[in-house]
């Protein structure tokens, strides 16, 4: 079951971003990269609340799985947790840029949902 969960998260990561972080002349992640990174983080957070098991009932987060997902996401984008935190702080200090990123996520969310629906429908017997 865990392998299936990791595979689903892996699909999220690779659908949302095919290339890792290449750097920025301004010292922070470019908006498009940050948008995809935050989408992956948000999907991982949501998934860890939705999936129930004997240890995590009633909507509590599975922090062990979440830590593994974060590690996978950070590795995919070639960043560390510290770099992520620094970038998030930069964007918090530039709220117009962060607002633009979240607006783009709202626009792209139906595409991601459609990709999952197609993937889910193709696995039915």
PDB file of N, CA and C in Angstrom:
ATOM      1  N   UNK A   1       0.826  -1.190   0.000  1.00  0.00           N
ATOM      2  CA  UNK A   1       0.000   0.000   0.000  1.00  0.00           C
ATOM      3  C   UNK A   1       0.869   1.252   0.000  1.00  0.00           C
ATOM      4  N   UNK A   2       1.951   1.244   0.789  1.00  0.00           N
ATOM      5  CA  UNK A   2       2.824   2.422   0.834  1.00  0.00           C
ATOM      6  C   UNK A   2       3.442   2.691  -0.535  1.00  0.00           C
ATOM      7  N   UNK A   3       3.801   1.631  -1.261  1.00  0.00           N
ATOM      8  CA  UNK A   3       4.395   1.798  -2.582  1.00  0.00           C
ATOM      9  C   UNK A   3       3.410   2.485  -3.518  1.00  0.00           C
ATOM     10  N   UNK A   4       2.133   2.121  -3.413  1.00  0.00           N
ATOM     11  CA  UNK A   4       1.102   2.750  -4.227  1.00  0.00           C
ATOM     12  C   UNK A   4       1.000   4.238  -3.897  1.00  0.00           C
ATOM     13  N   UNK A   5       1.056   4.572  -2.599  1.00  0.00           N
ATOM     14  CA  UNK A   5       0.970   5.974  -2.176  1.00  0.00           C
ATOM     15  C   UNK A   5       2.156   6.771  -2.700  1.00  0.00           C
ATOM     16  N   UNK A   6       3.336   6.204  -2.598  1.00  0.00           N
ATOM     17  CA  UNK A   6       4.536   6.889  -3.080  1.00  0.00           C
ATOM     18  C   UNK A   6       4.481   7.058  -4.592  1.00  0.00           C
ATOM     19  N   UNK A   7       3.961   6.038  -5.283  1.00  0.00           N
ATOM     20  CA  UNK A   7       3.836   6.129  -6.736  1.00  0.00           C
ATOM     21  C   UNK A   7       2.888   7.256  -7.140  1.00  0.00           C
ATOM     22  N   UNK A   8       1.783   7.396  -6.423  1.00  0.00           N
ATOM     23  CA  UNK A   8       0.825   8.466  -6.719  1.00  0.00           C
ATOM     24  C   UNK A   8       1.478   9.826  -6.516  1.00  0.00           C
ATOM     25  N   UNK A   9       2.215   9.981  -5.415  1.00  0.00           N
ATOM     26  CA  UNK A   9       2.894  11.250  -5.178  1.00  0.00           C
ATOM     27  C   UNK A   9       3.950  11.498  -6.249  1.00  0.00           C
ATOM     28  N   UNK A  10       4.652  10.452  -6.642  1.00  0.00           N
ATOM     29  CA  UNK A  10       5.658  10.591  -7.696  1.00  0.00           C
ATOM     30  C   UNK A  10       5.050  11.080  -8.990  1.00  0.00           C
ATOM     31  N   UNK A  11       3.873  10.567  -9.306  1.00  0.00           N
ATOM     32  CA  UNK A  11       3.171  11.017 -10.512  1.00  0.00           C
ATOM     33  C   UNK A  11       2.846  12.501 -10.390  1.00  0.00           C
ATOM     34  N   UNK A  12       2.394  12.920  -9.194  1.00  0.00           N
ATOM     35  CA  UNK A  12       2.109  14.351  -8.967  1.00  0.00           C
ATOM     36  C   UNK A  12       3.329  15.192  -9.244  1.00  0.00           C
ATOM     37  N   UNK A  13       4.436  14.773  -8.680  1.00  0.00           N
ATOM     38  CA  UNK A  13       5.675  15.533  -8.819  1.00  0.00           C
ATOM     39  C   UNK A  13       6.079  15.640 -10.274  1.00  0.00           C
ATOM     40  N   UNK A  14       6.049  14.536 -10.992  1.00  0.00           N
ATOM     41  CA  UNK A  14       6.527  14.566 -12.364  1.00  0.00           C
ATOM     42  C   UNK A  14       5.533  15.190 -13.334  1.00  0.00           C
ATOM     43  N   UNK A  15       4.251  15.159 -13.008  1.00  0.00           N
ATOM     44  CA  UNK A  15       3.282  15.866 -13.844  1.00  0.00           C
ATOM     45  C   UNK A  15       3.472  17.367 -13.712  1.00  0.00           C
ATOM     46  N   UNK A  16       3.695  17.810 -12.480  1.00  0.00           N
ATOM     47  CA  UNK A  16       3.748  19.248 -12.245  1.00  0.00           C
ATOM     48  C   UNK A  16       5.069  19.883 -12.647  1.00  0.00           C
ATOM     49  N   UNK A  17       6.145  19.116 -12.697  1.00  0.00           N
ATOM     50  CA  UNK A  17       7.432  19.716 -13.057  1.00  0.00           C
ATOM     51  C   UNK A  17       8.359  18.651 -13.600  1.00  0.00           C
ATOM     52  N   UNK A  18       8.766  18.807 -14.839  1.00  0.00           N
ATOM     53  CA  UNK A  18       9.659  17.834 -15.434  1.00  0.00           C
ATOM     54  C   UNK A  18      11.121  18.189 -15.229  1.00  0.00           C
ATOM     55  N   UNK A  19      11.422  19.412 -14.870  1.00  0.00           N
ATOM     56  CA  UNK A  19      12.806  19.840 -14.652  1.00  0.00           C
ATOM     57  C   UNK A  19      12.970  20.375 -13.250  1.00  0.00           C
ATOM     58  N   UNK A  20      14.100  20.085 -12.653  1.00  0.00           N
ATOM     59  CA  UNK A  20      14.395  20.592 -11.316  1.00  0.00           C
ATOM     60  C   UNK A  20      14.767  22.055 -11.352  1.00  0.00           C
ATOM     61  N   UNK A  21      15.064  22.586 -10.201  1.00  0.00           N
ATOM     62  CA  UNK A  21      15.450  23.982 -10.041  1.00  0.00           C
ATOM     63  C   UNK A  21      16.793  24.234 -10.700  1.00  0.00           C
ATOM     64  N   UNK A  22      16.844  25.212 -11.559  1.00  0.00           N
ATOM     65  CA  UNK A  22      18.072  25.552 -12.268  1.00  0.00           C
ATOM     66  C   UNK A  22      18.745  26.790 -11.688  1.00  0.00           C
ATOM     67  N   UNK A  23      18.095  27.454 -10.767  1.00  0.00           N
ATOM     68  CA  UNK A  23      18.689  28.651 -10.168  1.00  0.00           C
ATOM     69  C   UNK A  23      18.054  29.911 -10.700  1.00  0.00           C
ATOM     70  N   UNK A  24      18.328  30.997 -10.028  1.00  0.00           N
ATOM     71  CA  UNK A  24      17.780  32.281 -10.422  1.00  0.00           C
ATOM     72  C   UNK A  24      18.812  33.354 -10.138  1.00  0.00           C
ATOM     73  N   UNK A  25      18.879  34.333 -11.005  1.00  0.00           N
ATOM     74  CA  UNK A  25      19.845  35.410 -10.808  1.00  0.00           C
ATOM     75  C   UNK A  25      19.467  36.285  -9.610  1.00  0.00           C
ATOM     76  N   UNK A  26      18.216  36.213  -9.162  1.00  0.00           N
ATOM     77  CA  UNK A  26      17.784  37.024  -8.031  1.00  0.00           C
ATOM     78  C   UNK A  26      17.946  36.302  -6.697  1.00  0.00           C
ATOM     79  N   UNK A  27      18.394  35.060  -6.707  1.00  0.00           N
ATOM     80  CA  UNK A  27      18.649  34.340  -5.476  1.00  0.00           C
ATOM     81  C   UNK A  27      17.455  33.587  -4.918  1.00  0.00           C
ATOM     82  N   UNK A  28      16.338  33.560  -5.610  1.00  0.00           N
ATOM     83  CA  UNK A  28      15.179  32.788  -5.170  1.00  0.00           C
ATOM     84  C   UNK A  28      14.675  31.954  -6.343  1.00  0.00           C
ATOM     85  N   UNK A  29      13.838  30.988  -6.031  1.00  0.00           N
ATOM     86  CA  UNK A  29      13.262  30.156  -7.086  1.00  0.00           C
ATOM     87  C   UNK A  29      12.404  31.003  -8.019  1.00  0.00           C
ATOM     88  N   UNK A  30      12.501  30.768  -9.309  1.00  0.00           N
ATOM     89  CA  UNK A  30      11.621  31.484 -10.245  1.00  0.00           C
ATOM     90  C   UNK A  30      10.156  31.166  -9.937  1.00  0.00           C
ATOM     91  N   UNK A  31       9.261  32.077 -10.247  1.00  0.00           N
ATOM     92  CA  UNK A  31       7.844  31.871  -9.927  1.00  0.00           C
ATOM     93  C   UNK A  31       7.262  30.560 -10.466  1.00  0.00           C
ATOM     94  N   UNK A  32       7.591  30.178 -11.685  1.00  0.00           N
ATOM     95  CA  UNK A  32       7.036  28.939 -12.258  1.00  0.00           C
ATOM     96  C   UNK A  32       7.503  27.712 -11.484  1.00  0.00           C
ATOM     97  N   UNK A  33       8.759  27.720 -11.068  1.00  0.00           N
ATOM     98  CA  UNK A  33       9.287  26.596 -10.287  1.00  0.00           C
ATOM     99  C   UNK A  33       8.646  26.577  -8.905  1.00  0.00           C
ATOM    100  N   UNK A  34       8.555  27.748  -8.279  1.00  0.00           N
ATOM    101  CA  UNK A  34       7.942  27.830  -6.949  1.00  0.00           C
ATOM    102  C   UNK A  34       6.481  27.412  -7.017  1.00  0.00           C
ATOM    103  N   UNK A  35       5.804  27.775  -8.084  1.00  0.00           N
ATOM    104  CA  UNK A  35       4.404  27.384  -8.258  1.00  0.00           C
ATOM    105  C   UNK A  35       4.280  25.861  -8.270  1.00  0.00           C
ATOM    106  N   UNK A  36       5.122  25.200  -9.028  1.00  0.00           N
ATOM    107  CA  UNK A  36       5.062  23.740  -9.126  1.00  0.00           C
ATOM    108  C   UNK A  36       5.488  23.076  -7.825  1.00  0.00           C
ATOM    109  N   UNK A  37       6.494  23.631  -7.176  1.00  0.00           N
ATOM    110  CA  UNK A  37       6.949  23.110  -5.897  1.00  0.00           C
ATOM    111  C   UNK A  37       5.855  23.218  -4.843  1.00  0.00           C
ATOM    112  N   UNK A  38       5.217  24.383  -4.754  1.00  0.00           N
ATOM    113  CA  UNK A  38       4.147  24.565  -3.776  1.00  0.00           C
ATOM    114  C   UNK A  38       2.944  23.674  -4.088  1.00  0.00           C
ATOM    115  N   UNK A  39       2.680  23.440  -5.365  1.00  0.00           N
ATOM    116  CA  UNK A  39       1.586  22.541  -5.732  1.00  0.00           C
ATOM    117  C   UNK A  39       1.894  21.130  -5.239  1.00  0.00           C
ATOM    118  N   UNK A  40       3.124  20.682  -5.435  1.00  0.00           N
ATOM    119  CA  UNK A  40       3.509  19.357  -4.963  1.00  0.00           C
ATOM    120  C   UNK A  40       3.410  19.265  -3.438  1.00  0.00           C
ATOM    121  N   UNK A  41       3.865  20.306  -2.755  1.00  0.00           N
ATOM    122  CA  UNK A  41       3.793  20.337  -1.291  1.00  0.00           C
ATOM    123  C   UNK A  41       2.329  20.296  -0.841  1.00  0.00           C
ATOM    124  N   UNK A  42       1.481  21.096  -1.469  1.00  0.00           N
ATOM    125  CA  UNK A  42       0.064  21.131  -1.098  1.00  0.00           C
ATOM    126  C   UNK A  42      -0.616  19.790  -1.365  1.00  0.00           C
ATOM    127  N   UNK A  43      -0.270  19.154  -2.479  1.00  0.00           N
ATOM    128  CA  UNK A  43      -0.846  17.834  -2.771  1.00  0.00           C
ATOM    129  C   UNK A  43      -0.399  16.803  -1.739  1.00  0.00           C
ATOM    130  N   UNK A  44       0.871  16.850  -1.368  1.00  0.00           N
ATOM    131  CA  UNK A  44       1.388  15.917  -0.365  1.00  0.00           C
ATOM    132  C   UNK A  44       0.693  16.131   0.979  1.00  0.00           C
ATOM    133  N   UNK A  45       0.534  17.401   1.369  1.00  0.00           N
ATOM    134  CA  UNK A  45      -0.142  17.717   2.630  1.00  0.00           C
ATOM    135  C   UNK A  45      -1.583  17.197   2.615  1.00  0.00           C
ATOM    136  N   UNK A  46      -2.280  17.438   1.526  1.00  0.00           N
ATOM    137  CA  UNK A  46      -3.666  16.982   1.412  1.00  0.00           C
ATOM    138  C   UNK A  46      -3.751  15.466   1.439  1.00  0.00           C
ATOM    139  N   UNK A  47      -2.864  14.833   0.702  1.00  0.00           N
ATOM    140  CA  UNK A  47      -2.878  13.378   0.623  1.00  0.00           C
ATOM    141  C   UNK A  47      -2.642  12.749   1.998  1.00  0.00           C
ATOM    142  N   UNK A  48      -1.741  13.327   2.779  1.00  0.00           N
ATOM    143  CA  UNK A  48      -1.414  12.764   4.095  1.00  0.00           C
ATOM    144  C   UNK A  48      -2.545  12.929   5.098  1.00  0.00           C
ATOM    145  N   UNK A  49      -3.502  13.784   4.810  1.00  0.00           N
ATOM    146  CA  UNK A  49      -4.676  13.922   5.667  1.00  0.00           C
ATOM    147  C   UNK A  49      -5.787  13.001   5.172  1.00  0.00           C
ATOM    148  N   UNK A  50      -5.880  12.809   3.867  1.00  0.00           N
ATOM    149  CA  UNK A  50      -6.956  12.007   3.285  1.00  0.00           C
ATOM    150  C   UNK A  50      -6.773  10.514   3.534  1.00  0.00           C
ATOM    151  N   UNK A  51      -5.547  10.029   3.442  1.00  0.00           N
ATOM    152  CA  UNK A  51      -5.295   8.598   3.557  1.00  0.00           C
ATOM    153  C   UNK A  51      -5.386   8.196   5.024  1.00  0.00           C
ATOM    154  N   UNK A  52      -6.250   7.263   5.297  1.00  0.00           N
ATOM    155  CA  UNK A  52      -6.447   6.793   6.666  1.00  0.00           C
ATOM    156  C   UNK A  52      -5.784   5.421   6.813  1.00  0.00           C
ATOM    157  N   UNK A  53      -5.210   5.199   7.971  1.00  0.00           N
ATOM    158  CA  UNK A  53      -4.711   3.877   8.318  1.00  0.00           C
ATOM    159  C   UNK A  53      -4.962   3.664   9.802  1.00  0.00           C
ATOM    160  N   UNK A  54      -4.512   2.562  10.346  1.00  0.00           N
ATOM    161  CA  UNK A  54      -4.815   2.240  11.735  1.00  0.00           C
ATOM    162  C   UNK A  54      -4.189   3.225  12.720  1.00  0.00           C
ATOM    163  N   UNK A  55      -3.138   3.917  12.306  1.00  0.00           N
ATOM    164  CA  UNK A  55      -2.454   4.867  13.189  1.00  0.00           C
ATOM    165  C   UNK A  55      -2.962   6.303  13.029  1.00  0.00           C
ATOM    166  N   UNK A  56      -3.612   6.611  11.919  1.00  0.00           N
ATOM    167  CA  UNK A  56      -3.997   7.996  11.615  1.00  0.00           C
ATOM    168  C   UNK A  56      -5.454   8.035  11.154  1.00  0.00           C
ATOM    169  N   UNK A  57      -6.334   8.107  12.103  1.00  0.00           N
ATOM    170  CA  UNK A  57      -7.759   8.156  11.778  1.00  0.00           C
ATOM    171  C   UNK A  57      -8.300   9.569  12.014  1.00  0.00           C
ATOM    172  N   UNK A  58      -9.415   9.827  11.429  1.00  0.00           N
ATOM    173  CA  UNK A  58     -10.107  11.083  11.705  1.00  0.00           C
ATOM    174  C   UNK A  58      -9.434  12.318  11.142  1.00  0.00           C
ATOM    175  N   UNK A  59      -8.712  12.207  10.035  1.00  0.00           N
ATOM    176  CA  UNK A  59      -8.150  13.376   9.375  1.00  0.00           C
ATOM    177  C   UNK A  59      -6.838  13.887   9.952  1.00  0.00           C
ATOM    178  N   UNK A  60      -6.161  13.088  10.769  1.00  0.00           N
ATOM    179  CA  UNK A  60      -4.863  13.539  11.268  1.00  0.00           C
ATOM    180  C   UNK A  60      -3.791  13.256  10.223  1.00  0.00           C
ATOM    181  N   UNK A  61      -2.755  14.066  10.230  1.00  0.00           N
ATOM    182  CA  UNK A  61      -1.675  13.916   9.254  1.00  0.00           C
ATOM    183  C   UNK A  61      -0.789  12.725   9.599  1.00  0.00           C
ATOM    184  N   UNK A  62      -0.413  11.995   8.575  1.00  0.00           N
ATOM    185  CA  UNK A  62       0.580  10.946   8.728  1.00  0.00           C
ATOM    186  C   UNK A  62       1.938  11.620   8.529  1.00  0.00           C
ATOM    187  N   UNK A  63       2.552  12.046   9.608  1.00  0.00           N
ATOM    188  CA  UNK A  63       3.783  12.842   9.528  1.00  0.00           C
ATOM    189  C   UNK A  63       4.965  12.046   8.990  1.00  0.00           C
ATOM    190  N   UNK A  64       4.984  10.729   9.216  1.00  0.00           N
ATOM    191  CA  UNK A  64       6.072   9.913   8.671  1.00  0.00           C
ATOM    192  C   UNK A  64       6.020   9.908   7.146  1.00  0.00           C
ATOM    193  N   UNK A  65       4.835   9.680   6.605  1.00  0.00           N
ATOM    194  CA  UNK A  65       4.687   9.696   5.149  1.00  0.00           C
ATOM    195  C   UNK A  65       4.946  11.091   4.597  1.00  0.00           C
ATOM    196  N   UNK A  66       4.459  12.100   5.298  1.00  0.00           N
ATOM    197  CA  UNK A  66       4.646  13.470   4.840  1.00  0.00           C
ATOM    198  C   UNK A  66       6.131  13.819   4.766  1.00  0.00           C
ATOM    199  N   UNK A  67       6.900  13.395   5.759  1.00  0.00           N
ATOM    200  CA  UNK A  67       8.347  13.649   5.747  1.00  0.00           C
ATOM    201  C   UNK A  67       9.002  12.977   4.548  1.00  0.00           C
ATOM    202  N   UNK A  68       8.562  11.768   4.230  1.00  0.00           N
ATOM    203  CA  UNK A  68       9.110  11.064   3.062  1.00  0.00           C
ATOM    204  C   UNK A  68       8.731  11.787   1.771  1.00  0.00           C
ATOM    205  N   UNK A  69       7.501  12.281   1.698  1.00  0.00           N
ATOM    206  CA  UNK A  69       7.064  13.016   0.508  1.00  0.00           C
ATOM    207  C   UNK A  69       7.866  14.308   0.348  1.00  0.00           C
ATOM    208  N   UNK A  70       8.056  15.028   1.443  1.00  0.00           N
ATOM    209  CA  UNK A  70       8.851  16.261   1.387  1.00  0.00           C
ATOM    210  C   UNK A  70      10.264  15.953   0.876  1.00  0.00           C
ATOM    211  N   UNK A  71      10.855  14.904   1.402  1.00  0.00           N
ATOM    212  CA  UNK A  71      12.208  14.527   0.991  1.00  0.00           C
ATOM    213  C   UNK A  71      12.253  14.243  -0.513  1.00  0.00           C
ATOM    214  N   UNK A  72      11.260  13.531  -1.004  1.00  0.00           N
ATOM    215  CA  UNK A  72      11.182  13.217  -2.434  1.00  0.00           C
ATOM    216  C   UNK A  72      10.990  14.481  -3.269  1.00  0.00           C
ATOM    217  N   UNK A  73      10.122  15.356  -2.812  1.00  0.00           N
ATOM    218  CA  UNK A  73       9.857  16.603  -3.537  1.00  0.00           C
ATOM    219  C   UNK A  73      11.105  17.479  -3.573  1.00  0.00           C
ATOM    220  N   UNK A  74      11.754  17.656  -2.430  1.00  0.00           N
ATOM    221  CA  UNK A  74      12.964  18.480  -2.381  1.00  0.00           C
ATOM    222  C   UNK A  74      14.053  17.889  -3.260  1.00  0.00           C
ATOM    223  N   UNK A  75      14.192  16.573  -3.273  1.00  0.00           N
ATOM    224  CA  UNK A  75      15.192  15.933  -4.130  1.00  0.00           C
ATOM    225  C   UNK A  75      14.864  16.177  -5.602  1.00  0.00           C
ATOM    226  N   UNK A  76      13.589  16.118  -5.936  1.00  0.00           N
ATOM    227  CA  UNK A  76      13.180  16.343  -7.328  1.00  0.00           C
ATOM    228  C   UNK A  76      13.552  17.751  -7.802  1.00  0.00           C
ATOM    229  N   UNK A  77      13.399  18.711  -6.924  1.00  0.00           N
ATOM    230  CA  UNK A  77      13.702  20.101  -7.279  1.00  0.00           C
ATOM    231  C   UNK A  77      15.148  20.495  -6.966  1.00  0.00           C
ATOM    232  N   UNK A  78      15.916  19.546  -6.485  1.00  0.00           N
ATOM    233  CA  UNK A  78      17.333  19.779  -6.163  1.00  0.00           C
ATOM    234  C   UNK A  78      17.518  20.921  -5.171  1.00  0.00           C
ATOM    235  N   UNK A  79      16.684  20.921  -4.127  1.00  0.00           N
ATOM    236  CA  UNK A  79      16.808  21.923  -3.069  1.00  0.00           C
ATOM    237  C   UNK A  79      16.788  21.221  -1.718  1.00  0.00           C
ATOM    238  N   UNK A  80      17.194  21.945  -0.691  1.00  0.00           N
ATOM    239  CA  UNK A  80      17.131  21.438   0.674  1.00  0.00           C
ATOM    240  C   UNK A  80      15.930  22.058   1.380  1.00  0.00           C
ATOM    241  N   UNK A  81      15.640  21.538   2.550  1.00  0.00           N
ATOM    242  CA  UNK A  81      14.559  22.106   3.354  1.00  0.00           C
ATOM    243  C   UNK A  81      14.861  23.560   3.712  1.00  0.00           C
ATOM    244  N   UNK A  82      16.125  23.845   4.000  1.00  0.00           N
ATOM    245  CA  UNK A  82      16.542  25.218   4.333  1.00  0.00           C
ATOM    246  C   UNK A  82      16.317  26.142   3.136  1.00  0.00           C
ATOM    247  N   UNK A  83      16.692  25.686   1.941  1.00  0.00           N
ATOM    248  CA  UNK A  83      16.480  26.502   0.736  1.00  0.00           C
ATOM    249  C   UNK A  83      14.993  26.739   0.500  1.00  0.00           C
ATOM    250  N   UNK A  84      14.181  25.704   0.730  1.00  0.00           N
ATOM    251  CA  UNK A  84      12.737  25.870   0.572  1.00  0.00           C
ATOM    252  C   UNK A  84      12.223  26.935   1.529  1.00  0.00           C
ATOM    253  N   UNK A  85      12.632  26.838   2.793  1.00  0.00           N
ATOM    254  CA  UNK A  85      12.191  27.806   3.796  1.00  0.00           C
ATOM    255  C   UNK A  85      12.628  29.218   3.423  1.00  0.00           C
ATOM    256  N   UNK A  86      13.858  29.372   2.952  1.00  0.00           N
ATOM    257  CA  UNK A  86      14.352  30.688   2.542  1.00  0.00           C
ATOM    258  C   UNK A  86      13.544  31.231   1.371  1.00  0.00           C
ATOM    259  N   UNK A  87      13.239  30.368   0.415  1.00  0.00           N
ATOM    260  CA  UNK A  87      12.442  30.803  -0.731  1.00  0.00           C
ATOM    261  C   UNK A  87      11.028  31.168  -0.323  1.00  0.00           C
ATOM    262  N   UNK A  88      10.445  30.385   0.565  1.00  0.00           N
ATOM    263  CA  UNK A  88       9.101  30.688   1.027  1.00  0.00           C
ATOM    264  C   UNK A  88       9.077  32.026   1.763  1.00  0.00           C
ATOM    265  N   UNK A  89      10.101  32.280   2.552  1.00  0.00           N
ATOM    266  CA  UNK A  89      10.198  33.575   3.241  1.00  0.00           C
ATOM    267  C   UNK A  89      10.323  34.720   2.230  1.00  0.00           C
ATOM    268  N   UNK A  90      11.129  34.503   1.180  1.00  0.00           N
ATOM    269  CA  UNK A  90      11.279  35.542   0.156  1.00  0.00           C
ATOM    270  C   UNK A  90       9.915  35.857  -0.454  1.00  0.00           C
ATOM    271  N   UNK A  91       9.160  34.814  -0.789  1.00  0.00           N
ATOM    272  CA  UNK A  91       7.855  35.028  -1.403  1.00  0.00           C
ATOM    273  C   UNK A  91       6.856  35.620  -0.402  1.00  0.00           C
ATOM    274  N   UNK A  92       6.972  35.291   0.865  1.00  0.00           N
ATOM    275  CA  UNK A  92       6.102  35.913   1.877  1.00  0.00           C
ATOM    276  C   UNK A  92       6.377  37.405   1.967  1.00  0.00           C
ATOM    277  N   UNK A  93       7.625  37.788   1.750  1.00  0.00           N
ATOM    278  CA  UNK A  93       7.985  39.205   1.774  1.00  0.00           C
ATOM    279  C   UNK A  93       7.646  39.914   0.456  1.00  0.00           C
ATOM    280  N   UNK A  94       7.212  39.169  -0.531  1.00  0.00           N
ATOM    281  CA  UNK A  94       6.778  39.701  -1.828  1.00  0.00           C
ATOM    282  C   UNK A  94       5.388  39.120  -2.115  1.00  0.00           C
ATOM    283  N   UNK A  95       4.377  39.577  -1.357  1.00  0.00           N
ATOM    284  CA  UNK A  95       3.050  38.960  -1.430  1.00  0.00           C
ATOM    285  C   UNK A  95       2.395  39.020  -2.809  1.00  0.00           C
ATOM    286  N   UNK A  96       2.695  40.025  -3.604  1.00  0.00           N
ATOM    287  CA  UNK A  96       2.101  40.085  -4.946  1.00  0.00           C
ATOM    288  C   UNK A  96       2.589  38.905  -5.788  1.00  0.00           C
ATOM    289  N   UNK A  97       3.879  38.565  -5.649  1.00  0.00           N
ATOM    290  CA  UNK A  97       4.424  37.419  -6.388  1.00  0.00           C
ATOM    291  C   UNK A  97       3.805  36.111  -5.889  1.00  0.00           C
ATOM    292  N   UNK A  98       3.656  35.984  -4.569  1.00  0.00           N
ATOM    293  CA  UNK A  98       3.060  34.775  -3.996  1.00  0.00           C
ATOM    294  C   UNK A  98       1.595  34.657  -4.405  1.00  0.00           C
ATOM    295  N   UNK A  99       0.894  35.768  -4.443  1.00  0.00           N
ATOM    296  CA  UNK A  99      -0.504  35.769  -4.868  1.00  0.00           C
ATOM    297  C   UNK A  99      -0.620  35.310  -6.322  1.00  0.00           C
ATOM    298  N   UNK A 100       0.291  35.770  -7.156  1.00  0.00           N
ATOM    299  CA  UNK A 100       0.301  35.348  -8.563  1.00  0.00           C
ATOM    300  C   UNK A 100       0.512  33.842  -8.672  1.00  0.00           C
ATOM    301  N   UNK A 101       1.421  33.306  -7.854  1.00  0.00           N
ATOM    302  CA  UNK A 101       1.687  31.865  -7.868  1.00  0.00           C
ATOM    303  C   UNK A 101       0.428  31.084  -7.501  1.00  0.00           C
ATOM    304  N   UNK A 102      -0.250  31.492  -6.450  1.00  0.00           N
ATOM    305  CA  UNK A 102      -1.456  30.768  -6.036  1.00  0.00           C
ATOM    306  C   UNK A 102      -2.596  30.939  -7.037  1.00  0.00           C
ATOM    307  N   UNK A 103      -2.684  32.085  -7.687  1.00  0.00           N
ATOM    308  CA  UNK A 103      -3.686  32.258  -8.744  1.00  0.00           C
ATOM    309  C   UNK A 103      -3.421  31.309  -9.904  1.00  0.00           C
ATOM    310  N   UNK A 104      -2.146  31.154 -10.271  1.00  0.00           N
ATOM    311  CA  UNK A 104      -1.779  30.212 -11.340  1.00  0.00           C
ATOM    312  C   UNK A 104      -2.112  28.775 -10.939  1.00  0.00           C
ATOM    313  N   UNK A 105      -1.912  28.454  -9.677  1.00  0.00           N
ATOM    314  CA  UNK A 105      -2.252  27.111  -9.204  1.00  0.00           C
ATOM    315  C   UNK A 105      -3.745  26.853  -9.356  1.00  0.00           C
ATOM    316  N   UNK A 106      -4.553  27.850  -9.033  1.00  0.00           N
ATOM    317  CA  UNK A 106      -5.999  27.692  -9.169  1.00  0.00           C
ATOM    318  C   UNK A 106      -6.397  27.479 -10.627  1.00  0.00           C
ATOM    319  N   UNK A 107      -5.693  28.136 -11.527  1.00  0.00           N
ATOM    320  CA  UNK A 107      -5.964  27.970 -12.953  1.00  0.00           C
ATOM    321  C   UNK A 107      -5.554  26.574 -13.418  1.00  0.00           C
ATOM    322  N   UNK A 108      -4.407  26.073 -12.916  1.00  0.00           N
ATOM    323  CA  UNK A 108      -3.866  24.787 -13.367  1.00  0.00           C
ATOM    324  C   UNK A 108      -4.450  23.581 -12.648  1.00  0.00           C
ATOM    325  N   UNK A 109      -5.129  23.783 -11.539  1.00  0.00           N
ATOM    326  CA  UNK A 109      -5.666  22.677 -10.761  1.00  0.00           C
ATOM    327  C   UNK A 109      -6.611  21.777 -11.565  1.00  0.00           C
ATOM    328  N   UNK A 110      -7.523  22.303 -12.367  1.00  0.00           N
ATOM    329  CA  UNK A 110      -8.391  21.416 -13.152  1.00  0.00           C
ATOM    330  C   UNK A 110      -7.605  20.496 -14.098  1.00  0.00           C
ATOM    331  N   UNK A 111      -6.483  20.969 -14.640  1.00  0.00           N
ATOM    332  CA  UNK A 111      -5.662  20.125 -15.510  1.00  0.00           C
ATOM    333  C   UNK A 111      -5.074  18.958 -14.729  1.00  0.00           C
ATOM    334  N   UNK A 112      -4.622  19.231 -13.519  1.00  0.00           N
ATOM    335  CA  UNK A 112      -4.045  18.180 -12.681  1.00  0.00           C
ATOM    336  C   UNK A 112      -5.136  17.197 -12.267  1.00  0.00           C
ATOM    337  N   UNK A 113      -6.300  17.715 -11.893  1.00  0.00           N
ATOM    338  CA  UNK A 113      -7.408  16.842 -11.525  1.00  0.00           C
ATOM    339  C   UNK A 113      -7.815  15.955 -12.700  1.00  0.00           C
ATOM    340  N   UNK A 114      -7.836  16.518 -13.900  1.00  0.00           N
ATOM    341  CA  UNK A 114      -8.187  15.737 -15.081  1.00  0.00           C
ATOM    342  C   UNK A 114      -7.156  14.642 -15.340  1.00  0.00           C
ATOM    343  N   UNK A 115      -5.883  14.942 -15.135  1.00  0.00           N
ATOM    344  CA  UNK A 115      -4.837  13.942 -15.328  1.00  0.00           C
ATOM    345  C   UNK A 115      -5.006  12.789 -14.347  1.00  0.00           C
ATOM    346  N   UNK A 116      -5.371  13.087 -13.101  1.00  0.00           N
ATOM    347  CA  UNK A 116      -5.591  12.035 -12.119  1.00  0.00           C
ATOM    348  C   UNK A 116      -6.834  11.227 -12.439  1.00  0.00           C
ATOM    349  N   UNK A 117      -7.866  11.888 -12.943  1.00  0.00           N
ATOM    350  CA  UNK A 117      -9.091  11.175 -13.296  1.00  0.00           C
ATOM    351  C   UNK A 117      -8.808  10.189 -14.415  1.00  0.00           C
ATOM    352  N   UNK A 118      -8.061  10.613 -15.421  1.00  0.00           N
ATOM    353  CA  UNK A 118      -7.717   9.724 -16.526  1.00  0.00           C
ATOM    354  C   UNK A 118      -6.892   8.540 -16.005  1.00  0.00           C
ATOM    355  N   UNK A 119      -5.910   8.829 -15.149  1.00  0.00           N
ATOM    356  CA  UNK A 119      -5.048   7.783 -14.591  1.00  0.00           C
ATOM    357  C   UNK A 119      -5.878   6.811 -13.750  1.00  0.00           C
ATOM    358  N   UNK A 120      -6.785   7.355 -12.923  1.00  0.00           N
ATOM    359  CA  UNK A 120      -7.626   6.521 -12.060  1.00  0.00           C
ATOM    360  C   UNK A 120      -8.566   5.669 -12.894  1.00  0.00           C
ATOM    361  N   UNK A 121      -9.197   6.244 -13.915  1.00  0.00           N
ATOM    362  CA  UNK A 121     -10.131   5.513 -14.762  1.00  0.00           C
ATOM    363  C   UNK A 121      -9.425   4.403 -15.535  1.00  0.00           C
ATOM    364  N   UNK A 122      -8.167   4.616 -15.915  1.00  0.00           N
ATOM    365  CA  UNK A 122      -7.459   3.599 -16.702  1.00  0.00           C
ATOM    366  C   UNK A 122      -7.019   2.426 -15.834  1.00  0.00           C
ATOM    367  N   UNK A 123      -7.069   2.558 -14.501  1.00  0.00           N
ATOM    368  CA  UNK A 123      -6.673   1.449 -13.623  1.00  0.00           C
ATOM    369  C   UNK A 123      -7.859   0.583 -13.222  1.00  0.00           C
ATOM    370  N   UNK A 124      -9.071   0.992 -13.580  1.00  0.00           N
ATOM    371  CA  UNK A 124     -10.254   0.189 -13.248  1.00  0.00           C
ATOM    372  C   UNK A 124     -10.306  -1.038 -14.161  1.00  0.00           C
ATOM    373  N   UNK A 125     -10.732  -2.191 -13.590  1.00  0.00           N
ATOM    374  CA  UNK A 125     -10.812  -3.417 -14.402  1.00  0.00           C
ATOM    375  C   UNK A 125     -11.948  -3.391 -15.378  1.00  0.00           C
TER     376      UNK A 125
END
